[in-house]
C-alpha atoms as a PDB file:
ATOM      1  CA  UNK A   1      57.293  62.540  27.826  1.00  0.00           C
ATOM      2  CA  UNK A   2      58.445  65.997  26.880  1.00  0.00           C
ATOM      3  CA  UNK A   3      61.974  67.205  27.139  1.00  0.00           C
ATOM      4  CA  UNK A   4      60.989  69.709  29.820  1.00  0.00           C
ATOM      5  CA  UNK A   5      59.448  66.989  31.985  1.00  0.00           C
ATOM      6  CA  UNK A   6      62.477  64.832  31.567  1.00  0.00           C
ATOM      7  CA  UNK A   7      64.764  67.726  32.559  1.00  0.00           C
ATOM      8  CA  UNK A   8      62.670  68.488  35.633  1.00  0.00           C
ATOM      9  CA  UNK A   9      62.782  64.796  36.735  1.00  0.00           C
ATOM     10  CA  UNK A  10      66.537  64.687  36.234  1.00  0.00           C
ATOM     11  CA  UNK A  11      66.973  67.915  38.245  1.00  0.00           C
ATOM     12  CA  UNK A  12      64.780  66.680  40.985  1.00  0.00           C
ATOM     13  CA  UNK A  13      66.729  63.411  41.144  1.00  0.00           C
ATOM     14  CA  UNK A  14      70.024  65.264  41.301  1.00  0.00           C
ATOM     15  CA  UNK A  15      68.766  67.567  44.022  1.00  0.00           C
ATOM     16  CA  UNK A  16      67.534  64.523  45.916  1.00  0.00           C
ATOM     17  CA  UNK A  17      70.951  62.918  45.691  1.00  0.00           C
ATOM     18  CA  UNK A  18      72.571  66.145  46.898  1.00  0.00           C
ATOM     19  CA  UNK A  19      70.116  66.446  49.736  1.00  0.00           C
ATOM     20  CA  UNK A  20      70.572  62.765  50.660  1.00  0.00           C
ATOM     21  CA  UNK A  21      74.318  63.293  50.705  1.00  0.00           C
ATOM     22  CA  UNK A  22      74.008  66.397  52.880  1.00  0.00           C
ATOM     23  CA  UNK A  23      71.695  64.501  55.227  1.00  0.00           C
ATOM     24  CA  UNK A  24      74.162  61.622  55.416  1.00  0.00           C
ATOM     25  CA  UNK A  25      77.124  64.028  56.072  1.00  0.00           C
ATOM     26  CA  UNK A  26      75.287  66.195  58.558  1.00  0.00           C
ATOM     27  CA  UNK A  27      75.862  63.956  61.622  1.00  0.00           C
ATOM     28  CA  UNK A  28      79.549  63.849  60.926  1.00  0.00           C
ATOM     29  CA  UNK A  29      79.695  67.591  60.473  1.00  0.00           C
ATOM     30  CA  UNK A  30      77.739  68.195  63.707  1.00  0.00           C
ATOM     31  CA  UNK A  31      79.918  65.623  65.486  1.00  0.00           C
ATOM     32  CA  UNK A  32      83.133  67.287  64.312  1.00  0.00           C
ATOM     33  CA  UNK A  33      81.835  70.747  65.264  1.00  0.00           C
ATOM     34  CA  UNK A  34      80.820  69.464  68.679  1.00  0.00           C
ATOM     35  CA  UNK A  35      84.149  67.875  69.269  1.00  0.00           C
ATOM     36  CA  UNK A  36      85.913  71.092  68.165  1.00  0.00           C
ATOM     37  CA  UNK A  37      83.679  73.043  70.531  1.00  0.00           C
ATOM     38  CA  UNK A  38      84.366  70.809  73.451  1.00  0.00           C
ATOM     39  CA  UNK A  39      88.123  70.899  72.735  1.00  0.00           C
ATOM     40  CA  UNK A  40      88.200  74.683  72.521  1.00  0.00           C
ATOM     41  CA  UNK A  41      86.174  74.910  75.846  1.00  0.00           C
ATOM     42  CA  UNK A  42      88.470  72.528  77.576  1.00  0.00           C
ATOM     43  CA  UNK A  43      91.514  74.396  76.207  1.00  0.00           C
ATOM     44  CA  UNK A  44      90.080  77.635  77.411  1.00  0.00           C
ATOM     45  CA  UNK A  45      89.481  76.155  80.888  1.00  0.00           C
ATOM     46  CA  UNK A  46      93.018  74.860  81.041  1.00  0.00           C
ATOM     47  CA  UNK A  47      94.417  78.232  80.022  1.00  0.00           C
ATOM     48  CA  UNK A  48      92.257  79.957  82.577  1.00  0.00           C
ATOM     49  CA  UNK A  49      93.413  77.571  85.295  1.00  0.00           C
ATOM     50  CA  UNK A  50      97.048  78.053  84.202  1.00  0.00           C
ATOM     51  CA  UNK A  51      96.635  81.842  84.212  1.00  0.00           C
ATOM     52  CA  UNK A  52      95.150  81.685  87.689  1.00  0.00           C
ATOM     53  CA  UNK A  53      98.064  79.559  88.915  1.00  0.00           C
ATOM     54  CA  UNK A  54     100.536  81.899  87.290  1.00  0.00           C
ATOM     55  CA  UNK A  55      98.948  84.922  88.949  1.00  0.00           C
ATOM     56  CA  UNK A  56      99.010  83.178  92.326  1.00  0.00           C
ATOM     57  CA  UNK A  57     102.687  82.221  91.807  1.00  0.00           C
ATOM     58  CA  UNK A  58     103.544  85.862  90.827  1.00  0.00           C
ATOM     59  CA  UNK A  59     101.721  87.095  93.899  1.00  0.00           C
ATOM     60  CA  UNK A  60     103.644  84.656  96.104  1.00  0.00           C
ATOM     61  CA  UNK A  61     106.956  85.528  94.513  1.00  0.00           C
ATOM     62  CA  UNK A  62     106.273  89.195  94.984  1.00  0.00           C
ATOM     63  CA  UNK A  63     105.351  88.607  98.580  1.00  0.00           C
ATOM     64  CA  UNK A  64     108.493  86.577  99.179  1.00  0.00           C
ATOM     65  CA  UNK A  65     110.523  89.150  97.378  1.00  0.00           C
ATOM     66  CA  UNK A  66     109.202  91.937  99.576  1.00  0.00           C
ATOM     67  CA  UNK A  67     109.748  89.913 102.716  1.00  0.00           C
ATOM     68  CA  UNK A  68     113.266  89.130 101.567  1.00  0.00           C
ATOM     69  CA  UNK A  69     114.006  92.767 100.820  1.00  0.00           C
ATOM     70  CA  UNK A  70     112.565  93.917 104.176  1.00  0.00           C
ATOM     71  CA  UNK A  71     114.518  91.230 105.961  1.00  0.00           C
ATOM     72  CA  UNK A  72     117.757  92.199 104.281  1.00  0.00           C
ATOM     73  CA  UNK A  73     117.133  95.856 105.091  1.00  0.00           C
ATOM     74  CA  UNK A  74     116.478  95.046 108.778  1.00  0.00           C
ATOM     75  CA  UNK A  75     119.634  92.838 108.951  1.00  0.00           C
ATOM     76  CA  UNK A  76     121.807  95.568 107.356  1.00  0.00           C
ATOM     77  CA  UNK A  77     120.401  98.215 109.724  1.00  0.00           C
ATOM     78  CA  UNK A  78     120.742  95.989 112.849  1.00  0.00           C
ATOM     79  CA  UNK A  79     124.253  94.809 111.956  1.00  0.00           C
ATOM     80  CA  UNK A  80     125.435  98.371 111.178  1.00  0.00           C
ATOM     81  CA  UNK A  81     124.155  99.552 114.541  1.00  0.00           C
ATOM     82  CA  UNK A  82     125.650  96.621 116.416  1.00  0.00           C
ATOM     83  CA  UNK A  83     129.017  97.083 114.755  1.00  0.00           C
ATOM     84  CA  UNK A  84     129.087 100.726 115.746  1.00  0.00           C
ATOM     85  CA  UNK A  85     128.034  99.905 119.290  1.00  0.00           C
ATOM     86  CA  UNK A  86     130.716  97.224 119.462  1.00  0.00           C
ATOM     87  CA  UNK A  87     133.429  99.608 118.442  1.00  0.00           C
ATOM     88  CA  UNK A  88     132.478 101.985 121.273  1.00  0.00           C
ATOM     89  CA  UNK A  89     132.335  99.126 123.723  1.00  0.00           C
ATOM     90  CA  UNK A  90     135.695  97.715 122.721  1.00  0.00           C
ATOM     91  CA  UNK A  91     137.324 101.109 122.960  1.00  0.00           C
ATOM     92  CA  UNK A  92     135.786 101.748 126.393  1.00  0.00           C
ATOM     93  CA  UNK A  93     137.060  98.375 127.592  1.00  0.00           C
ATOM     94  CA  UNK A  94     140.556  99.151 126.280  1.00  0.00           C
ATOM     95  CA  UNK A  95     140.512 102.505 128.059  1.00  0.00           C
ATOM     96  CA  UNK A  96     139.230 100.803 131.226  1.00  0.00           C
ATOM     97  CA  UNK A  97     142.051  98.235 131.199  1.00  0.00           C
ATOM     98  CA  UNK A  98     144.826 100.667 130.148  1.00  0.00           C
ATOM     99  CA  UNK A  99     144.132 103.119 132.963  1.00  0.00           C
ATOM    100  CA  UNK A 100     146.420 105.697 131.444  1.00  0.00           C
ATOM    101  CA  UNK A 101     145.280 108.844 133.089  1.00  0.00           C
ATOM    102  CA  UNK A 102     147.001 112.204 132.545  1.00  0.00           C
ATOM    103  CA  UNK A 103     146.423 115.175 134.870  1.00  0.00           C
ATOM    104  CA  UNK A 104     148.338 118.163 136.197  1.00  0.00           C
ATOM    105  CA  UNK A 105     150.014 118.053 139.599  1.00  0.00           C
ATOM    106  CA  UNK A 106     147.252 119.479 141.658  1.00  0.00           C
ATOM    107  CA  UNK A 107     149.613 120.362 144.489  1.00  0.00           C
ATOM    108  CA  UNK A 108     151.134 123.003 142.249  1.00  0.00           C
ATOM    109  CA  UNK A 109     147.743 124.582 141.210  1.00  0.00           C
ATOM    110  CA  UNK A 110     146.039 127.488 142.825  1.00  0.00           C
ATOM    111  CA  UNK A 111     142.407 127.181 143.949  1.00  0.00           C
ATOM    112  CA  UNK A 112     141.312 129.239 140.934  1.00  0.00           C
ATOM    113  CA  UNK A 113     143.223 126.911 138.588  1.00  0.00           C
ATOM    114  CA  UNK A 114     141.716 123.817 140.309  1.00  0.00           C
ATOM    115  CA  UNK A 115     138.227 125.416 139.838  1.00  0.00           C
ATOM    116  CA  UNK A 116     138.858 126.005 136.144  1.00  0.00           C
ATOM    117  CA  UNK A 117     140.076 122.484 135.724  1.00  0.00           C
ATOM    118  CA  UNK A 118     137.046 120.967 137.450  1.00  0.00           C
ATOM    119  CA  UNK A 119     134.646 123.075 135.430  1.00  0.00           C
ATOM    120  CA  UNK A 120     136.110 121.465 132.303  1.00  0.00           C
ATOM    121  CA  UNK A 121     135.337 117.966 133.639  1.00  0.00           C
ATOM    122  CA  UNK A 122     132.021 116.147 133.830  1.00  0.00           C
ATOM    123  CA  UNK A 123     132.294 115.794 137.633  1.00  0.00           C
ATOM    124  CA  UNK A 124     129.078 116.239 139.616  1.00  0.00           C
ATOM    125  CA  UNK A 125     128.886 119.026 142.147  1.00  0.00           C
ATOM    126  CA  UNK A 126     129.291 116.520 144.936  1.00  0.00           C
ATOM    127  CA  UNK A 127     132.443 115.112 143.324  1.00  0.00           C
ATOM    128  CA  UNK A 128     133.816 118.659 142.864  1.00  0.00           C
ATOM    129  CA  UNK A 129     133.225 119.423 146.536  1.00  0.00           C
ATOM    130  CA  UNK A 130     134.870 116.143 147.627  1.00  0.00           C
ATOM    131  CA  UNK A 131     137.809 116.893 145.371  1.00  0.00           C
ATOM    132  CA  UNK A 132     138.391 120.331 146.807  1.00  0.00           C
ATOM    133  CA  UNK A 133     138.340 118.978 150.369  1.00  0.00           C
ATOM    134  CA  UNK A 134     140.676 116.093 149.644  1.00  0.00           C
ATOM    135  CA  UNK A 135     144.156 116.126 151.003  1.00  0.00           C
ATOM    136  CA  UNK A 136     145.441 113.946 148.127  1.00  0.00           C
ATOM    137  CA  UNK A 137     143.857 115.415 145.062  1.00  0.00           C
ATOM    138  CA  UNK A 138     146.162 113.570 142.661  1.00  0.00           C
ATOM    139  CA  UNK A 139     145.155 110.152 143.960  1.00  0.00           C
ATOM    140  CA  UNK A 140     141.472 111.041 144.210  1.00  0.00           C
ATOM    141  CA  UNK A 141     141.383 112.351 140.650  1.00  0.00           C
ATOM    142  CA  UNK A 142     143.031 109.185 139.412  1.00  0.00           C
ATOM    143  CA  UNK A 143     140.705 106.928 141.249  1.00  0.00           C
ATOM    144  CA  UNK A 144     137.657 108.937 140.156  1.00  0.00           C
ATOM    145  CA  UNK A 145     138.556 108.774 136.453  1.00  0.00           C
ATOM    146  CA  UNK A 146     139.500 105.090 136.791  1.00  0.00           C
ATOM    147  CA  UNK A 147     136.107 104.258 138.334  1.00  0.00           C
ATOM    148  CA  UNK A 148     134.278 106.302 135.662  1.00  0.00           C
ATOM    149  CA  UNK A 149     136.142 104.424 132.938  1.00  0.00           C
ATOM    150  CA  UNK A 150     135.244 101.064 134.610  1.00  0.00           C
ATOM    151  CA  UNK A 151     131.598 102.023 134.930  1.00  0.00           C
ATOM    152  CA  UNK A 152     131.406 103.269 131.318  1.00  0.00           C
ATOM    153  CA  UNK A 153     132.908  99.956 130.023  1.00  0.00           C
ATOM    154  CA  UNK A 154     130.604  97.958 132.294  1.00  0.00           C
ATOM    155  CA  UNK A 155     127.526  99.781 131.148  1.00  0.00           C
ATOM    156  CA  UNK A 156     128.378  99.545 127.430  1.00  0.00           C
ATOM    157  CA  UNK A 157     129.149  95.835 127.713  1.00  0.00           C
ATOM    158  CA  UNK A 158     125.756  95.352 129.345  1.00  0.00           C
ATOM    159  CA  UNK A 159     123.989  97.404 126.604  1.00  0.00           C
ATOM    160  CA  UNK A 160     125.855  95.453 123.987  1.00  0.00           C
ATOM    161  CA  UNK A 161     124.492  92.200 125.351  1.00  0.00           C
ATOM    162  CA  UNK A 162     120.976  93.648 125.365  1.00  0.00           C
ATOM    163  CA  UNK A 163     121.373  94.787 121.784  1.00  0.00           C
ATOM    164  CA  UNK A 164     122.469  91.286 120.654  1.00  0.00           C
ATOM    165  CA  UNK A 165     119.376  89.847 122.384  1.00  0.00           C
ATOM    166  CA  UNK A 166     116.969  92.366 120.935  1.00  0.00           C
ATOM    167  CA  UNK A 167     118.341  92.616 117.427  1.00  0.00           C
ATOM    168  CA  UNK A 168     120.094  89.289 117.197  1.00  0.00           C
ATOM    169  CA  UNK A 169     117.164  87.867 115.275  1.00  0.00           C
ATOM    170  CA  UNK A 170     118.359  89.852 112.283  1.00  0.00           C
ATOM    171  CA  UNK A 171     122.002  88.616 112.657  1.00  0.00           C
ATOM    172  CA  UNK A 172     123.132  85.241 111.376  1.00  0.00           C
ATOM    173  CA  UNK A 173     123.760  82.795 114.181  1.00  0.00           C
ATOM    174  CA  UNK A 174     127.449  82.321 113.378  1.00  0.00           C
ATOM    175  CA  UNK A 175     128.087  86.075 113.344  1.00  0.00           C
ATOM    176  CA  UNK A 176     126.113  86.573 116.517  1.00  0.00           C
ATOM    177  CA  UNK A 177     128.309  83.941 118.225  1.00  0.00           C
ATOM    178  CA  UNK A 178     131.436  85.867 117.165  1.00  0.00           C
ATOM    179  CA  UNK A 179     130.020  89.021 118.758  1.00  0.00           C
ATOM    180  CA  UNK A 180     129.047  87.197 121.959  1.00  0.00           C
ATOM    181  CA  UNK A 181     132.523  85.775 122.308  1.00  0.00           C
ATOM    182  CA  UNK A 182     134.129  89.155 121.739  1.00  0.00           C
ATOM    183  CA  UNK A 183     131.885  90.747 124.392  1.00  0.00           C
ATOM    184  CA  UNK A 184     132.706  87.944 126.811  1.00  0.00           C
ATOM    185  CA  UNK A 185     136.415  88.632 126.127  1.00  0.00           C
ATOM    186  CA  UNK A 186     135.819  92.371 127.033  1.00  0.00           C
ATOM    187  CA  UNK A 187     133.707  91.452 130.064  1.00  0.00           C
ATOM    188  CA  UNK A 188     136.421  89.310 131.639  1.00  0.00           C
ATOM    189  CA  UNK A 189     138.914  92.178 131.420  1.00  0.00           C
ATOM    190  CA  UNK A 190     136.412  94.667 132.818  1.00  0.00           C
ATOM    191  CA  UNK A 191     135.480  92.437 135.737  1.00  0.00           C
ATOM    192  CA  UNK A 192     139.138  92.152 136.658  1.00  0.00           C
ATOM    193  CA  UNK A 193     139.388  96.002 136.743  1.00  0.00           C
ATOM    194  CA  UNK A 194     136.425  96.124 139.150  1.00  0.00           C
ATOM    195  CA  UNK A 195     138.052  93.694 141.466  1.00  0.00           C
ATOM    196  CA  UNK A 196     141.438  95.419 141.284  1.00  0.00           C
ATOM    197  CA  UNK A 197     139.854  98.782 141.969  1.00  0.00           C
ATOM    198  CA  UNK A 198     138.032  97.487 145.044  1.00  0.00           C
ATOM    199  CA  UNK A 199     140.837  95.280 146.209  1.00  0.00           C
ATOM    200  CA  UNK A 200     144.116  96.850 145.025  1.00  0.00           C
ATOM    201  CA  UNK A 201     146.302  94.212 146.679  1.00  0.00           C
ATOM    202  CA  UNK A 202     144.544  91.170 145.186  1.00  0.00           C
ATOM    203  CA  UNK A 203     146.338  88.900 142.748  1.00  0.00           C
ATOM    204  CA  UNK A 204     143.118  87.280 141.539  1.00  0.00           C
ATOM    205  CA  UNK A 205     142.845  87.319 137.811  1.00  0.00           C
ATOM    206  CA  UNK A 206     146.045  89.439 137.439  1.00  0.00           C
ATOM    207  CA  UNK A 207     146.661  87.875 134.006  1.00  0.00           C
ATOM    208  CA  UNK A 208     143.348  89.079 132.436  1.00  0.00           C
ATOM    209  CA  UNK A 209     144.772  92.477 131.363  1.00  0.00           C
ATOM    210  CA  UNK A 210     147.684  90.662 129.737  1.00  0.00           C
ATOM    211  CA  UNK A 211     145.256  88.374 127.917  1.00  0.00           C
ATOM    212  CA  UNK A 212     143.263  91.334 126.762  1.00  0.00           C
ATOM    213  CA  UNK A 213     146.203  93.218 125.282  1.00  0.00           C
ATOM    214  CA  UNK A 214     147.599  90.106 123.676  1.00  0.00           C
ATOM    215  CA  UNK A 215     144.333  89.176 121.997  1.00  0.00           C
ATOM    216  CA  UNK A 216     142.475  92.471 121.457  1.00  0.00           C
ATOM    217  CA  UNK A 217     143.766  93.132 117.951  1.00  0.00           C
ATOM    218  CA  UNK A 218     142.957  89.622 116.731  1.00  0.00           C
ATOM    219  CA  UNK A 219     139.538  89.635 118.391  1.00  0.00           C
ATOM    220  CA  UNK A 220     138.610  93.060 116.950  1.00  0.00           C
ATOM    221  CA  UNK A 221     139.836  92.160 113.405  1.00  0.00           C
ATOM    222  CA  UNK A 222     137.879  88.873 113.510  1.00  0.00           C
ATOM    223  CA  UNK A 223     134.674  90.736 114.301  1.00  0.00           C
ATOM    224  CA  UNK A 224     135.408  93.424 111.747  1.00  0.00           C
ATOM    225  CA  UNK A 225     136.104  90.990 108.902  1.00  0.00           C
ATOM    226  CA  UNK A 226     133.060  88.837 109.691  1.00  0.00           C
ATOM    227  CA  UNK A 227     130.800  91.906 109.874  1.00  0.00           C
ATOM    228  CA  UNK A 228     132.194  93.389 106.680  1.00  0.00           C
ATOM    229  CA  UNK A 229     131.703  90.078 104.944  1.00  0.00           C
ATOM    230  CA  UNK A 230     128.057  89.926 105.859  1.00  0.00           C
ATOM    231  CA  UNK A 231     127.248  93.596 105.164  1.00  0.00           C
ATOM    232  CA  UNK A 232     129.104  93.686 101.849  1.00  0.00           C
ATOM    233  CA  UNK A 233     128.355  90.013 100.912  1.00  0.00           C
ATOM    234  CA  UNK A 234     132.096  89.380 100.129  1.00  0.00           C
ATOM    235  CA  UNK A 235     131.484  85.628 100.742  1.00  0.00           C
ATOM    236  CA  UNK A 236     133.556  85.219 103.828  1.00  0.00           C
ATOM    237  CA  UNK A 237     130.621  84.833 106.154  1.00  0.00           C
ATOM    238  CA  UNK A 238     127.925  82.281 105.404  1.00  0.00           C
ATOM    239  CA  UNK A 239     124.945  83.628 103.595  1.00  0.00           C
END
């Protein structure tokens, strides 16, 4: 056998061994590649599912954030308006109960001076005519202004109750309760003035004005502090 033939046989044998080794290793290689492929696919699916969940969560958080922001804005707006309205109502009630009315002595005024005075008031034309014809202008003027003050307080108390019903949904329950109690406090005093105006000699509820003046500063401050705490989030009112 020649050296060339021997070398060819050895080479073929070596190649066969290498090929046999490759064939034997191929299933393992294919298996490992398949496992790696499946793992990567599952990992990609998990990541995709997680990303979708994250996006949904972000969307929900943004939605809740927008709702919370709008809710806070509506609460601030409603409570600011209610506080302003309450201040006017409380002042009208105080004026109604005080009944401190200043006016000139109409018996000393000329007709021209009376006309000038009446033109500076908000009296209706009928009220002006009635006033000019009255034999007791001082008393009529006092009663007219007294009744106008009572009506103004009554109407503002009524409107305040309506405002609390309409916009109370944006006001925390504990704060709304404080307002309702304060309005009831004003209402009792106003009702007494109505009774006293129509029945001057009655003694019914004669202590209501005293209760009002004794408690008005405390009531007003209580509402003011609670409202300020909520608007400014100072921590006094419950969040």
